[in-house]
């Protein structure tokens, strides 16, 4: 996303002096970022609506912080090295939760 590498080197200095009030940041997070992450989570984990809320919360946090990709494009590089494990675990747990076992 956005500008990367050498082209982005000057970016942080250009932001120096910008201050965002806590309430403004919180309002955007609650009104836009969090609902978008919940929606993204429901797309990636399509049966997440049936999961207990704490499970959904953990998955929303995962998607918010790591993105929607659940494939290991670079298996040795954090944060993607365990994406397959997480995806498989959610599927296995969902099978138990949804079967009533």
Foldseek 3Di string as FASTA:
>chain_A
DDDDDPVCVCVVVVCPPDDDDPVRVVCCCVVPVQVVLLVLLCVLVVCCVVDPPVVSVVSSVCCSVPNNDLDQPPLVDPPRVCSVVVSVVVVVVCVCVVVVD
